């Protein structure tokens, strides 16, 4: 099974680069052997969305910007689901 590429799309106008970098670091520290790459993608309009090969893993919602720990946990759940398929 090929390893997924994780993309973190963040709003550069909203200054979400730092949280995106923190999330990328957490993913790489925890799952470097299980992902192909982590890519940062500048966006706009308040976006903060984490995808794996076009599947949305987690995004900003009513609860606000997800922490790096929440993002890493969501990636972990995604990887576990993919492994079980």
PDB file of N, CA and C in Angstrom:
ATOM      1  N   UNK A   1       0.848  -1.189   0.000  1.00  0.00           N
ATOM      2  CA  UNK A   1       0.000   0.000   0.000  1.00  0.00           C
ATOM      3  C   UNK A   1       0.890   1.248   0.000  1.00  0.00           C
ATOM      4  N   UNK A   2       0.653   2.162  -0.926  1.00  0.00           N
ATOM      5  CA  UNK A   2       1.472   3.380  -0.965  1.00  0.00           C
ATOM      6  C   UNK A   2       1.205   4.276   0.244  1.00  0.00           C
ATOM      7  N   UNK A   3       2.236   4.966   0.646  1.00  0.00           N
ATOM      8  CA  UNK A   3       2.101   5.899   1.771  1.00  0.00           C
ATOM      9  C   UNK A   3       1.408   7.171   1.288  1.00  0.00           C
ATOM     10  N   UNK A   4       0.517   7.747   2.121  1.00  0.00           N
ATOM     11  CA  UNK A   4      -0.180   8.965   1.706  1.00  0.00           C
ATOM     12  C   UNK A   4       0.684  10.213   1.871  1.00  0.00           C
ATOM     13  N   UNK A   5       0.405  11.196   1.035  1.00  0.00           N
ATOM     14  CA  UNK A   5       0.971  12.527   1.202  1.00  0.00           C
ATOM     15  C   UNK A   5      -0.045  13.348   1.981  1.00  0.00           C
ATOM     16  N   UNK A   6       0.384  13.928   3.073  1.00  0.00           N
ATOM     17  CA  UNK A   6      -0.479  14.754   3.921  1.00  0.00           C
ATOM     18  C   UNK A   6      -0.287  16.207   3.490  1.00  0.00           C
ATOM     19  N   UNK A   7      -1.388  16.892   3.212  1.00  0.00           N
ATOM     20  CA  UNK A   7      -1.338  18.303   2.825  1.00  0.00           C
ATOM     21  C   UNK A   7      -2.039  19.131   3.891  1.00  0.00           C
ATOM     22  N   UNK A   8      -1.363  20.157   4.346  1.00  0.00           N
ATOM     23  CA  UNK A   8      -1.945  21.109   5.295  1.00  0.00           C
ATOM     24  C   UNK A   8      -2.145  22.416   4.538  1.00  0.00           C
ATOM     25  N   UNK A   9      -3.400  22.737   4.260  1.00  0.00           N
ATOM     26  CA  UNK A   9      -3.726  24.005   3.612  1.00  0.00           C
ATOM     27  C   UNK A   9      -4.083  24.999   4.700  1.00  0.00           C
ATOM     28  N   UNK A  10      -3.417  26.130   4.694  1.00  0.00           N
ATOM     29  CA  UNK A  10      -3.597  27.118   5.763  1.00  0.00           C
ATOM     30  C   UNK A  10      -3.787  28.509   5.159  1.00  0.00           C
ATOM     31  N   UNK A  11      -4.519  29.343   5.876  1.00  0.00           N
ATOM     32  CA  UNK A  11      -4.748  30.724   5.456  1.00  0.00           C
ATOM     33  C   UNK A  11      -3.529  31.559   5.829  1.00  0.00           C
ATOM     34  N   UNK A  12      -2.809  32.033   4.804  1.00  0.00           N
ATOM     35  CA  UNK A  12      -1.644  32.861   5.102  1.00  0.00           C
ATOM     36  C   UNK A  12      -2.049  34.252   5.567  1.00  0.00           C
ATOM     37  N   UNK A  13      -3.203  34.737   5.114  1.00  0.00           N
ATOM     38  CA  UNK A  13      -3.699  36.055   5.538  1.00  0.00           C
ATOM     39  C   UNK A  13      -4.058  36.066   7.024  1.00  0.00           C
ATOM     40  N   UNK A  14      -4.440  34.892   7.543  1.00  0.00           N
ATOM     41  CA  UNK A  14      -4.873  34.758   8.939  1.00  0.00           C
ATOM     42  C   UNK A  14      -3.721  34.423   9.873  1.00  0.00           C
ATOM     43  N   UNK A  15      -2.507  34.352   9.320  1.00  0.00           N
ATOM     44  CA  UNK A  15      -1.316  34.024  10.113  1.00  0.00           C
ATOM     45  C   UNK A  15      -1.369  32.599  10.667  1.00  0.00           C
ATOM     46  N   UNK A  16      -1.873  31.652   9.872  1.00  0.00           N
ATOM     47  CA  UNK A  16      -1.960  30.252  10.293  1.00  0.00           C
ATOM     48  C   UNK A  16      -0.716  29.449   9.914  1.00  0.00           C
ATOM     49  N   UNK A  17       0.320  30.109   9.425  1.00  0.00           N
ATOM     50  CA  UNK A  17       1.528  29.386   9.059  1.00  0.00           C
ATOM     51  C   UNK A  17       2.138  28.681  10.271  1.00  0.00           C
ATOM     52  N   UNK A  18       2.252  29.374  11.389  1.00  0.00           N
ATOM     53  CA  UNK A  18       2.882  28.765  12.567  1.00  0.00           C
ATOM     54  C   UNK A  18       2.117  27.521  13.025  1.00  0.00           C
ATOM     55  N   UNK A  19       0.784  27.566  13.175  1.00  0.00           N
ATOM     56  CA  UNK A  19       0.073  26.333  13.548  1.00  0.00           C
ATOM     57  C   UNK A  19       0.225  25.231  12.506  1.00  0.00           C
ATOM     58  N   UNK A  20       0.307  25.595  11.227  1.00  0.00           N
ATOM     59  CA  UNK A  20       0.505  24.591  10.177  1.00  0.00           C
ATOM     60  C   UNK A  20       1.880  23.940  10.309  1.00  0.00           C
ATOM     61  N   UNK A  21       2.895  24.743  10.583  1.00  0.00           N
ATOM     62  CA  UNK A  21       4.242  24.208  10.780  1.00  0.00           C
ATOM     63  C   UNK A  21       4.303  23.297  12.005  1.00  0.00           C
ATOM     64  N   UNK A  22       3.633  23.707  13.080  1.00  0.00           N
ATOM     65  CA  UNK A  22       3.601  22.881  14.298  1.00  0.00           C
ATOM     66  C   UNK A  22       2.911  21.544  14.029  1.00  0.00           C
ATOM     67  N   UNK A  23       1.821  21.582  13.269  1.00  0.00           N
ATOM     68  CA  UNK A  23       1.109  20.350  12.931  1.00  0.00           C
ATOM     69  C   UNK A  23       1.980  19.458  12.038  1.00  0.00           C
ATOM     70  N   UNK A  24       2.655  20.050  11.070  1.00  0.00           N
ATOM     71  CA  UNK A  24       3.535  19.280  10.184  1.00  0.00           C
ATOM     72  C   UNK A  24       4.656  18.618  10.984  1.00  0.00           C
ATOM     73  N   UNK A  25       5.235  19.370  11.899  1.00  0.00           N
ATOM     74  CA  UNK A  25       6.314  18.824  12.728  1.00  0.00           C
ATOM     75  C   UNK A  25       5.805  17.653  13.560  1.00  0.00           C
ATOM     76  N   UNK A  26       4.640  17.801  14.157  1.00  0.00           N
ATOM     77  CA  UNK A  26       4.069  16.739  14.995  1.00  0.00           C
ATOM     78  C   UNK A  26       3.798  15.485  14.160  1.00  0.00           C
ATOM     79  N   UNK A  27       3.263  15.669  12.954  1.00  0.00           N
ATOM     80  CA  UNK A  27       2.996  14.530  12.071  1.00  0.00           C
ATOM     81  C   UNK A  27       4.301  13.818  11.723  1.00  0.00           C
ATOM     82  N   UNK A  28       5.315  14.582  11.357  1.00  0.00           N
ATOM     83  CA  UNK A  28       6.588  13.977  10.976  1.00  0.00           C
ATOM     84  C   UNK A  28       7.282  13.309  12.151  1.00  0.00           C
ATOM     85  N   UNK A  29       7.197  13.902  13.328  1.00  0.00           N
ATOM     86  CA  UNK A  29       7.794  13.281  14.516  1.00  0.00           C
ATOM     87  C   UNK A  29       7.102  11.962  14.855  1.00  0.00           C
ATOM     88  N   UNK A  30       5.802  11.902  14.618  1.00  0.00           N
ATOM     89  CA  UNK A  30       5.024  10.725  15.023  1.00  0.00           C
ATOM     90  C   UNK A  30       4.878   9.666  13.946  1.00  0.00           C
ATOM     91  N   UNK A  31       4.810  10.078  12.677  1.00  0.00           N
ATOM     92  CA  UNK A  31       4.433   9.143  11.609  1.00  0.00           C
ATOM     93  C   UNK A  31       5.324   9.216  10.373  1.00  0.00           C
ATOM     94  N   UNK A  32       6.550   9.648  10.515  1.00  0.00           N
ATOM     95  CA  UNK A  32       7.437   9.796   9.353  1.00  0.00           C
ATOM     96  C   UNK A  32       7.582   8.499   8.566  1.00  0.00           C
ATOM     97  N   UNK A  33       7.523   7.371   9.244  1.00  0.00           N
ATOM     98  CA  UNK A  33       7.667   6.090   8.562  1.00  0.00           C
ATOM     99  C   UNK A  33       6.380   5.625   7.879  1.00  0.00           C
ATOM    100  N   UNK A  34       5.274   6.352   8.114  1.00  0.00           N
ATOM    101  CA  UNK A  34       3.981   5.923   7.569  1.00  0.00           C
ATOM    102  C   UNK A  34       3.395   6.893   6.550  1.00  0.00           C
ATOM    103  N   UNK A  35       4.075   8.023   6.321  1.00  0.00           N
ATOM    104  CA  UNK A  35       3.605   8.990   5.325  1.00  0.00           C
ATOM    105  C   UNK A  35       4.709   9.243   4.302  1.00  0.00           C
ATOM    106  N   UNK A  36       4.289   9.527   3.081  1.00  0.00           N
ATOM    107  CA  UNK A  36       5.243   9.829   2.013  1.00  0.00           C
ATOM    108  C   UNK A  36       5.866  11.208   2.216  1.00  0.00           C
ATOM    109  N   UNK A  37       5.012  12.188   2.567  1.00  0.00           N
ATOM    110  CA  UNK A  37       5.464  13.569   2.730  1.00  0.00           C
ATOM    111  C   UNK A  37       4.382  14.362   3.450  1.00  0.00           C
ATOM    112  N   UNK A  38       4.791  15.492   3.982  1.00  0.00           N
ATOM    113  CA  UNK A  38       3.847  16.482   4.511  1.00  0.00           C
ATOM    114  C   UNK A  38       4.085  17.751   3.716  1.00  0.00           C
ATOM    115  N   UNK A  39       3.024  18.246   3.094  1.00  0.00           N
ATOM    116  CA  UNK A  39       3.123  19.414   2.226  1.00  0.00           C
ATOM    117  C   UNK A  39       2.319  20.568   2.835  1.00  0.00           C
ATOM    118  N   UNK A  40       2.886  21.759   2.820  1.00  0.00           N
ATOM    119  CA  UNK A  40       2.175  22.958   3.252  1.00  0.00           C
ATOM    120  C   UNK A  40       1.689  23.694   2.014  1.00  0.00           C
ATOM    121  N   UNK A  41       0.421  24.100   2.049  1.00  0.00           N
ATOM    122  CA  UNK A  41      -0.186  24.773   0.899  1.00  0.00           C
ATOM    123  C   UNK A  41      -0.852  26.063   1.378  1.00  0.00           C
ATOM    124  N   UNK A  42      -0.321  27.228   1.000  1.00  0.00           N
ATOM    125  CA  UNK A  42      -0.948  28.487   1.387  1.00  0.00           C
ATOM    126  C   UNK A  42      -2.344  28.598   0.782  1.00  0.00           C
ATOM    127  N   UNK A  43      -3.264  29.131   1.577  1.00  0.00           N
ATOM    128  CA  UNK A  43      -4.633  29.342   1.114  1.00  0.00           C
ATOM    129  C   UNK A  43      -5.134  30.694   1.592  1.00  0.00           C
ATOM    130  N   UNK A  44      -6.448  30.856   1.568  1.00  0.00           N
ATOM    131  CA  UNK A  44      -7.046  32.122   1.986  1.00  0.00           C
ATOM    132  C   UNK A  44      -8.440  31.848   2.550  1.00  0.00           C
ATOM    133  N   UNK A  45      -9.145  32.888   2.887  1.00  0.00           N
ATOM    134  CA  UNK A  45     -10.516  32.808   3.406  1.00  0.00           C
ATOM    135  C   UNK A  45     -10.631  31.985   4.682  1.00  0.00           C
ATOM    136  N   UNK A  46      -9.603  32.020   5.537  1.00  0.00           N
ATOM    137  CA  UNK A  46      -9.681  31.374   6.841  1.00  0.00           C
ATOM    138  C   UNK A  46      -9.525  29.868   6.830  1.00  0.00           C
ATOM    139  N   UNK A  47      -9.000  29.316   5.760  1.00  0.00           N
ATOM    140  CA  UNK A  47      -8.902  27.861   5.641  1.00  0.00           C
ATOM    141  C   UNK A  47      -7.807  27.284   6.541  1.00  0.00           C
ATOM    142  N   UNK A  48      -8.101  26.151   7.127  1.00  0.00           N
ATOM    143  CA  UNK A  48      -7.110  25.286   7.770  1.00  0.00           C
ATOM    144  C   UNK A  48      -7.654  23.877   7.600  1.00  0.00           C
ATOM    145  N   UNK A  49      -7.096  23.180   6.614  1.00  0.00           N
ATOM    146  CA  UNK A  49      -7.624  21.862   6.227  1.00  0.00           C
ATOM    147  C   UNK A  49      -6.458  20.901   6.025  1.00  0.00           C
ATOM    148  N   UNK A  50      -6.600  19.712   6.611  1.00  0.00           N
ATOM    149  CA  UNK A  50      -5.587  18.678   6.468  1.00  0.00           C
ATOM    150  C   UNK A  50      -6.190  17.546   5.656  1.00  0.00           C
ATOM    151  N   UNK A  51      -5.511  17.202   4.564  1.00  0.00           N
ATOM    152  CA  UNK A  51      -5.996  16.137   3.692  1.00  0.00           C
ATOM    153  C   UNK A  51      -4.896  15.102   3.474  1.00  0.00           C
ATOM    154  N   UNK A  52      -5.334  13.924   3.101  1.00  0.00           N
ATOM    155  CA  UNK A  52      -4.416  12.860   2.697  1.00  0.00           C
ATOM    156  C   UNK A  52      -4.899  12.376   1.347  1.00  0.00           C
ATOM    157  N   UNK A  53      -4.131  12.667   0.329  1.00  0.00           N
ATOM    158  CA  UNK A  53      -4.498  12.256  -1.019  1.00  0.00           C
ATOM    159  C   UNK A  53      -5.953  12.608  -1.333  1.00  0.00           C
ATOM    160  N   UNK A  54      -6.327  13.839  -1.066  1.00  0.00           N
ATOM    161  CA  UNK A  54      -7.637  14.437  -1.360  1.00  0.00           C
ATOM    162  C   UNK A  54      -8.761  14.037  -0.404  1.00  0.00           C
ATOM    163  N   UNK A  55      -8.475  13.229   0.616  1.00  0.00           N
ATOM    164  CA  UNK A  55      -9.463  12.894   1.645  1.00  0.00           C
ATOM    165  C   UNK A  55      -9.275  13.850   2.811  1.00  0.00           C
ATOM    166  N   UNK A  56     -10.328  14.570   3.197  1.00  0.00           N
ATOM    167  CA  UNK A  56     -10.220  15.499   4.323  1.00  0.00           C
ATOM    168  C   UNK A  56     -10.095  14.702   5.617  1.00  0.00           C
ATOM    169  N   UNK A  57      -9.042  14.987   6.366  1.00  0.00           N
ATOM    170  CA  UNK A  57      -8.799  14.323   7.641  1.00  0.00           C
ATOM    171  C   UNK A  57      -9.369  15.161   8.776  1.00  0.00           C
ATOM    172  N   UNK A  58      -9.054  16.446   8.758  1.00  0.00           N
ATOM    173  CA  UNK A  58      -9.553  17.373   9.785  1.00  0.00           C
ATOM    174  C   UNK A  58      -9.479  18.779   9.203  1.00  0.00           C
ATOM    175  N   UNK A  59     -10.395  19.626   9.629  1.00  0.00           N
ATOM    176  CA  UNK A  59     -10.357  21.022   9.216  1.00  0.00           C
ATOM    177  C   UNK A  59     -10.925  21.887  10.322  1.00  0.00           C
ATOM    178  N   UNK A  60     -10.698  23.175  10.181  1.00  0.00           N
ATOM    179  CA  UNK A  60     -11.206  24.102  11.180  1.00  0.00           C
ATOM    180  C   UNK A  60     -12.724  24.130  11.108  1.00  0.00           C
ATOM    181  N   UNK A  61     -13.334  24.080  12.271  1.00  0.00           N
ATOM    182  CA  UNK A  61     -14.785  24.127  12.340  1.00  0.00           C
ATOM    183  C   UNK A  61     -15.223  25.040  13.468  1.00  0.00           C
ATOM    184  N   UNK A  62     -16.373  24.762  14.039  1.00  0.00           N
ATOM    185  CA  UNK A  62     -16.918  25.580  15.110  1.00  0.00           C
ATOM    186  C   UNK A  62     -15.998  25.631  16.334  1.00  0.00           C
ATOM    187  N   UNK A  63     -15.213  24.574  16.531  1.00  0.00           N
ATOM    188  CA  UNK A  63     -14.313  24.529  17.686  1.00  0.00           C
ATOM    189  C   UNK A  63     -13.033  25.322  17.461  1.00  0.00           C
ATOM    190  N   UNK A  64     -12.868  25.877  16.283  1.00  0.00           N
ATOM    191  CA  UNK A  64     -11.710  26.715  15.993  1.00  0.00           C
ATOM    192  C   UNK A  64     -10.568  25.946  15.373  1.00  0.00           C
ATOM    193  N   UNK A  65      -9.409  26.551  15.392  1.00  0.00           N
ATOM    194  CA  UNK A  65      -8.207  25.993  14.797  1.00  0.00           C
ATOM    195  C   UNK A  65      -7.787  24.747  15.575  1.00  0.00           C
ATOM    196  N   UNK A  66      -7.622  23.607  14.908  1.00  0.00           N
ATOM    197  CA  UNK A  66      -7.209  22.406  15.635  1.00  0.00           C
ATOM    198  C   UNK A  66      -5.746  22.497  16.062  1.00  0.00           C
ATOM    199  N   UNK A  67      -5.461  22.005  17.245  1.00  0.00           N
ATOM    200  CA  UNK A  67      -4.085  22.002  17.746  1.00  0.00           C
ATOM    201  C   UNK A  67      -3.263  20.971  16.984  1.00  0.00           C
ATOM    202  N   UNK A  68      -1.952  21.074  17.110  1.00  0.00           N
ATOM    203  CA  UNK A  68      -1.057  20.105  16.470  1.00  0.00           C
ATOM    204  C   UNK A  68      -1.347  18.696  16.984  1.00  0.00           C
ATOM    205  N   UNK A  69      -1.656  18.575  18.261  1.00  0.00           N
ATOM    206  CA  UNK A  69      -1.989  17.262  18.823  1.00  0.00           C
ATOM    207  C   UNK A  69      -3.265  16.698  18.217  1.00  0.00           C
ATOM    208  N   UNK A  70      -4.285  17.547  18.037  1.00  0.00           N
ATOM    209  CA  UNK A  70      -5.533  17.081  17.417  1.00  0.00           C
ATOM    210  C   UNK A  70      -5.305  16.676  15.976  1.00  0.00           C
ATOM    211  N   UNK A  71      -4.494  17.420  15.261  1.00  0.00           N
ATOM    212  CA  UNK A  71      -4.192  17.081  13.873  1.00  0.00           C
ATOM    213  C   UNK A  71      -3.476  15.736  13.823  1.00  0.00           C
ATOM    214  N   UNK A  72      -2.468  15.552  14.670  1.00  0.00           N
ATOM    215  CA  UNK A  72      -1.723  14.290  14.694  1.00  0.00           C
ATOM    216  C   UNK A  72      -2.635  13.121  15.041  1.00  0.00           C
ATOM    217  N   UNK A  73      -3.550  13.324  15.968  1.00  0.00           N
ATOM    218  CA  UNK A  73      -4.499  12.266  16.337  1.00  0.00           C
ATOM    219  C   UNK A  73      -5.401  11.927  15.151  1.00  0.00           C
ATOM    220  N   UNK A  74      -5.867  12.936  14.435  1.00  0.00           N
ATOM    221  CA  UNK A  74      -6.715  12.702  13.264  1.00  0.00           C
ATOM    222  C   UNK A  74      -5.942  11.954  12.176  1.00  0.00           C
ATOM    223  N   UNK A  75      -4.673  12.281  11.999  1.00  0.00           N
ATOM    224  CA  UNK A  75      -3.837  11.572  11.031  1.00  0.00           C
ATOM    225  C   UNK A  75      -3.669  10.116  11.477  1.00  0.00           C
ATOM    226  N   UNK A  76      -3.456   9.903  12.765  1.00  0.00           N
ATOM    227  CA  UNK A  76      -3.333   8.548  13.298  1.00  0.00           C
ATOM    228  C   UNK A  76      -4.588   7.728  13.003  1.00  0.00           C
ATOM    229  N   UNK A  77      -5.758   8.320  13.235  1.00  0.00           N
ATOM    230  CA  UNK A  77      -7.017   7.621  12.958  1.00  0.00           C
ATOM    231  C   UNK A  77      -7.153   7.320  11.467  1.00  0.00           C
ATOM    232  N   UNK A  78      -6.779   8.259  10.620  1.00  0.00           N
ATOM    233  CA  UNK A  78      -6.826   8.039   9.171  1.00  0.00           C
ATOM    234  C   UNK A  78      -5.918   6.880   8.775  1.00  0.00           C
ATOM    235  N   UNK A  79      -4.691   6.876   9.284  1.00  0.00           N
ATOM    236  CA  UNK A  79      -3.740   5.821   8.947  1.00  0.00           C
ATOM    237  C   UNK A  79      -4.239   4.462   9.421  1.00  0.00           C
ATOM    238  N   UNK A  80      -4.856   4.419  10.587  1.00  0.00           N
ATOM    239  CA  UNK A  80      -5.404   3.154  11.103  1.00  0.00           C
ATOM    240  C   UNK A  80      -6.538   2.657  10.211  1.00  0.00           C
ATOM    241  N   UNK A  81      -7.403   3.566   9.773  1.00  0.00           N
ATOM    242  CA  UNK A  81      -8.500   3.172   8.863  1.00  0.00           C
ATOM    243  C   UNK A  81      -7.953   2.654   7.544  1.00  0.00           C
ATOM    244  N   UNK A  82      -6.957   3.345   7.003  1.00  0.00           N
ATOM    245  CA  UNK A  82      -6.382   2.941   5.723  1.00  0.00           C
ATOM    246  C   UNK A  82      -5.704   1.568   5.828  1.00  0.00           C
ATOM    247  N   UNK A  83      -5.072   1.321   6.957  1.00  0.00           N
ATOM    248  CA  UNK A  83      -4.378   0.052   7.161  1.00  0.00           C
ATOM    249  C   UNK A  83      -5.367  -1.112   7.224  1.00  0.00           C
ATOM    250  N   UNK A  84      -6.555  -0.841   7.780  1.00  0.00           N
ATOM    251  CA  UNK A  84      -7.541  -1.905   7.956  1.00  0.00           C
ATOM    252  C   UNK A  84      -8.303  -2.221   6.663  1.00  0.00           C
ATOM    253  N   UNK A  85      -8.151  -1.390   5.637  1.00  0.00           N
ATOM    254  CA  UNK A  85      -8.852  -1.634   4.362  1.00  0.00           C
ATOM    255  C   UNK A  85      -8.176  -2.695   3.533  1.00  0.00           C
TER     256      UNK A  85
END
